[in-house]
Protein backbone atom coordinates (compact mmCIF):
# COMPACT_ATOMS: atom_id res chain seq x y z
CA MET A 1 -0.09 0.13 -0.02
CA ALA A 2 1.34 3.61 -1.01
CA ASN A 3 1.84 6.60 1.40
CA ILE A 4 -0.38 9.42 0.56
CA PHE A 5 0.18 12.92 1.38
CA PRO A 6 -1.86 14.55 2.74
CA ASN A 7 -3.07 11.40 4.51
CA ASP A 8 -6.02 12.81 6.40
CA VAL A 9 -8.46 12.21 3.40
CA PRO A 10 -11.80 10.40 4.10
CA VAL A 11 -13.15 7.65 1.72
CA ASP A 12 -16.56 9.54 1.26
CA ARG A 13 -17.03 12.82 -0.77
CA ILE A 14 -15.66 16.03 0.65
CA ASP A 15 -16.22 19.45 -0.53
CA GLY A 16 -13.49 20.93 -3.09
CA PHE A 17 -11.99 17.38 -4.07
CA GLN A 18 -13.70 15.69 -7.06
CA ASP A 19 -15.46 12.21 -6.75
CA ASP A 20 -13.48 10.86 -9.68
CA GLU A 21 -9.95 12.18 -8.57
CA LEU A 22 -10.63 10.64 -4.88
CA GLU A 23 -11.41 7.17 -6.61
CA THR A 24 -7.91 7.74 -8.29
CA LEU A 25 -6.14 8.41 -5.15
CA LEU A 26 -7.55 5.57 -3.50
CA LYS A 27 -6.94 3.29 -6.20
CA LEU A 28 -3.48 4.46 -6.58
CA ARG A 29 -2.97 3.90 -2.58
CA ASP A 30 -4.47 0.39 -2.77
CA GLN A 31 -2.51 -0.91 -5.73
CA LEU A 32 1.03 0.62 -5.40
CA SER A 33 3.39 -0.51 -2.76
CA ASP A 34 5.16 0.90 -0.02
CA ASP A 35 7.91 1.90 -2.11
CA TYR A 36 5.87 4.65 -3.70
CA SER A 37 4.40 7.99 -1.88
CA VAL A 38 1.42 9.90 -3.69
CA PHE A 39 0.78 13.60 -2.89
CA HIS A 40 -2.26 14.67 -4.58
CA SER A 41 -3.63 18.08 -5.22
CA VAL A 42 -0.36 19.68 -5.12
CA ASN A 43 -0.54 23.42 -5.47
CA TRP A 44 2.82 25.52 -7.01
CA SER A 45 3.45 29.25 -7.77
CA LYS A 46 5.75 30.68 -10.04
CA ALA A 47 7.17 34.63 -9.64
CA LEU A 48 7.09 36.43 -12.92
CA PRO A 49 8.22 39.98 -13.53
CA SER A 50 4.67 41.34 -13.94
CA HIS A 51 2.65 38.86 -11.50
CA THR A 52 3.00 35.41 -10.01
CA ALA A 53 1.58 32.58 -11.62
CA PHE A 54 -0.38 29.59 -9.90
CA GLY A 55 -1.31 26.03 -10.89
CA GLU A 56 -2.07 22.55 -9.35
CA ILE A 57 -0.94 19.43 -10.30
CA ASP A 58 -3.57 16.29 -9.63
CA PHE A 59 -1.21 13.54 -8.52
CA VAL A 60 2.95 13.39 -8.06
CA VAL A 61 4.21 9.87 -7.26
CA VAL A 62 7.80 9.62 -5.95
CA ASP A 63 9.48 6.55 -5.31
CA LYS A 64 12.47 5.27 -2.82
CA LYS A 65 15.08 6.28 -5.47
CA GLY A 66 13.78 9.83 -5.73
CA ALA A 67 12.13 9.45 -9.20
CA VAL A 68 8.95 11.48 -9.92
CA LEU A 69 6.06 10.95 -12.14
CA VAL A 70 3.44 13.68 -12.54
CA VAL A 71 -0.01 12.47 -13.34
CA GLU A 72 -2.69 14.78 -15.22
CA GLN A 73 -5.96 13.30 -14.80
CA LYS A 74 -8.67 14.54 -17.21
CA ASN A 75 -12.25 13.95 -16.64
CA GLY A 76 -15.14 15.98 -18.34
CA PRO A 77 -15.59 17.57 -21.60
CA LEU A 78 -12.10 17.04 -24.02
CA VAL A 79 -12.02 18.57 -27.50
CA GLU A 80 -9.81 17.37 -30.20
CA THR A 81 -8.46 20.40 -32.17
CA PRO A 82 -5.69 20.92 -34.63
CA GLN A 83 -3.38 22.29 -32.17
CA GLY A 84 -3.92 19.26 -29.86
CA LEU A 85 -6.62 17.84 -27.13
CA GLU A 86 -7.94 20.62 -25.28
CA LYS A 87 -9.73 20.66 -21.84
CA HIS A 88 -12.87 23.22 -21.40
CA TYR A 89 -12.78 25.03 -17.66
CA GLY A 90 -16.39 26.89 -18.34
CA MET A 91 -15.30 29.75 -21.01
CA ASP A 92 -11.51 28.85 -20.51
CA LYS A 93 -9.71 26.50 -22.93
CA LYS A 94 -6.02 24.87 -21.98
CA LEU A 95 -4.41 22.44 -24.27
CA VAL A 96 -3.47 19.16 -22.15
CA SER A 97 0.09 19.08 -23.56
CA SER A 98 0.89 22.66 -22.34
CA GLN A 99 -0.55 21.84 -18.85
CA VAL A 100 1.62 18.83 -18.37
CA GLN A 101 4.75 20.55 -20.04
CA ARG A 102 4.32 23.60 -17.63
CA ASN A 103 3.88 21.37 -14.41
CA LEU A 104 7.04 19.35 -15.36
CA SER A 105 9.11 22.66 -16.14
CA THR A 106 7.72 24.35 -13.01
CA LEU A 107 7.94 21.52 -10.54
CA ARG A 108 11.86 20.81 -11.88
CA ASP A 109 12.80 24.65 -11.94
CA LYS A 110 11.51 25.77 -8.53
CA PHE A 111 12.95 22.33 -6.70
CA LYS A 112 16.38 22.83 -7.99
CA LYS A 113 16.28 26.61 -6.83
CA LEU A 114 15.01 25.96 -3.27
CA ASN A 115 17.12 22.84 -3.37
CA PRO A 116 20.48 23.64 -5.02
CA GLN A 117 22.45 20.93 -3.15
CA SER A 118 20.24 17.91 -4.48
CA PRO A 119 20.49 16.68 -7.99
CA THR A 120 18.33 17.71 -10.75
CA LEU A 121 14.93 15.63 -10.66
CA ASN A 122 14.18 12.83 -13.09
CA VAL A 123 10.51 13.79 -13.71
CA ASP A 124 8.17 11.96 -16.03
CA TYR A 125 4.52 12.33 -16.69
CA LEU A 126 1.44 10.40 -17.48
CA ILE A 127 -1.81 11.45 -18.68
CA TYR A 128 -4.87 9.75 -17.43
CA CYS A 129 -8.33 10.01 -19.10
CA PRO A 130 -10.73 7.47 -17.73
CA GLU A 131 -13.64 8.54 -19.66
CA TYR A 132 -11.98 8.84 -23.00
CA ARG A 133 -10.23 6.11 -25.64
CA VAL A 134 -7.24 7.47 -27.49
CA VAL A 135 -7.29 6.99 -30.74
CA ASP A 136 -4.21 8.66 -31.83
CA VAL A 137 -1.27 10.62 -30.50
CA ASN A 138 0.38 13.08 -32.78
CA GLY A 139 2.49 15.63 -30.61
CA ALA A 140 5.66 16.51 -29.80
CA GLY A 141 4.62 17.24 -25.88
CA VAL A 142 2.82 14.05 -25.47
CA ASP A 143 3.44 10.17 -25.90
CA MET A 144 1.27 6.85 -26.05
CA GLN A 145 2.98 5.23 -23.65
CA ARG A 146 2.47 7.89 -21.25
CA THR A 147 -1.34 8.03 -21.79
CA VAL A 148 -3.54 5.81 -20.22
CA ASP A 149 -7.29 5.74 -21.14
CA ALA A 150 -10.75 4.16 -20.49
CA ARG A 151 -9.43 0.77 -22.08
CA ALA A 152 -6.42 0.56 -19.56
CA LYS A 153 -7.64 2.33 -16.47
CA THR A 154 -7.60 -0.98 -14.45
CA SER A 155 -3.70 -1.22 -15.24
CA LEU A 156 -2.94 2.65 -13.89
CA ALA A 157 -0.58 1.50 -11.53
CA GLU A 158 1.08 -0.95 -13.52
CA ARG A 159 1.91 1.79 -16.17
CA ILE A 160 3.25 3.84 -13.27
CA ASP A 161 5.57 0.87 -11.87
CA GLU A 162 6.85 0.25 -15.65
CA LEU A 163 7.28 3.99 -16.13
CA MET A 164 9.44 4.55 -12.78
CA GLY A 165 11.21 1.23 -12.75
CA SER A 166 14.99 1.70 -12.97
CA GLU A 167 18.41 0.44 -11.85
CA ARG A 168 19.09 3.32 -9.52
CA ASP A 169 19.94 2.98 -5.95
CA GLU A 170 17.78 4.34 -3.12
CA ASN A 171 18.17 7.87 -2.33
CA PRO A 172 16.67 8.55 1.31
CA TYR A 173 18.17 12.23 1.23
CA LEU A 174 16.72 13.06 -1.79
CA CYS A 175 13.43 11.55 -1.04
CA GLU A 176 13.20 13.86 2.25
CA GLU A 177 14.10 16.81 0.21
CA LEU A 178 10.93 15.77 -2.23
CA HIS A 179 8.78 15.19 0.83
CA ASN A 180 9.29 18.73 2.43
CA PHE A 181 9.15 20.37 -1.06
CA LEU A 182 6.00 18.64 -2.05
CA CYS A 183 4.21 19.13 1.41
CA HIS A 184 5.20 22.90 1.44
CA SER A 185 7.00 22.54 4.75
CA PHE A 186 9.71 25.24 5.91
CA ARG A 187 12.30 25.57 8.60
CA ILE A 188 12.28 28.75 11.13
CA THR A 189 14.65 29.78 13.65
CA PRO A 190 14.38 32.37 15.88
CA ASP A 191 15.65 36.05 15.40
CA VAL A 192 18.24 36.96 18.37
CA ASN A 193 17.96 40.64 17.67
CA ALA A 194 13.96 40.43 17.37
CA TYR A 195 13.95 38.48 20.71
CA LYS A 196 16.09 41.36 22.46
CA ALA A 197 14.08 44.10 20.96
CA ASN A 198 11.06 42.33 22.28
CA GLN A 199 12.41 41.96 25.94
CA LYS A 200 13.86 45.73 25.91
CA LYS A 201 10.15 46.69 25.10
CA VAL A 202 8.69 44.59 27.83
CA TYR A 203 11.26 45.85 30.16
CA ARG A 204 10.21 49.46 29.44
CA GLN A 205 6.60 48.88 29.96
CA LEU A 206 7.32 47.10 33.44
CA LEU A 207 9.78 50.07 34.71
CA SER A 208 6.97 52.71 33.39
CA GLY A 209 4.66 51.65 36.35
CA LEU A 210 7.19 51.09 38.77
CA SER A 211 8.97 54.45 38.35
CA ASP A 212 5.29 56.28 39.23
CA VAL A 213 5.18 54.03 42.40
CA ILE A 214 8.48 55.02 43.38
CA GLU A 215 8.30 58.54 42.75
CA SER A 216 4.78 58.81 44.91
CA LEU A 217 6.53 57.29 47.96
CA GLU A 218 7.27 59.75 51.15
CA PHE A 219 9.48 58.44 53.84
CA GLU A 220 9.69 59.83 57.56
């Protein structure tokens, strides 16, 4: 059984989390071995000169060797266009291949920026379309071997295992860095100067009342 993060997801429907994605998450948890960790609904941000871009990755699978697989799940309306497969979000239209490549690039670049001491990530992808049958893939950004459609959805975990299988050794340090990165963790330490300034402020507050008491004293 794979480890999932966050791990407090109930088995019934919850607001803000789609039924189809929850079903996939539970399937990955039950069918992948404990060599894998599955991070779901991973949010990312990227600072640009004029604004900050935001995005979300449906699933990120990490193995004990530090290999990373991004799973992009597509349910609902999909439209074939001359530019490629499009996903419609109300009035917005986004190319699936562009979404995948942007997620891969952002994940790789931001990890390298925040963890310069770690090796470059080995990131792969998989497009999961459980409601569609893919007839043909003709695009530089996508690959049929990395597409699981309705005909192959029962073998999703097997395909992930095939794509992530390698002869590399386990890398606990890289896995820990990836876990912290994908869980949005950060380390803090007390600032000595701020602590001293706060103590001086408290000291002055205590003395202000004491000086009034002392000045009001009379002795005989």
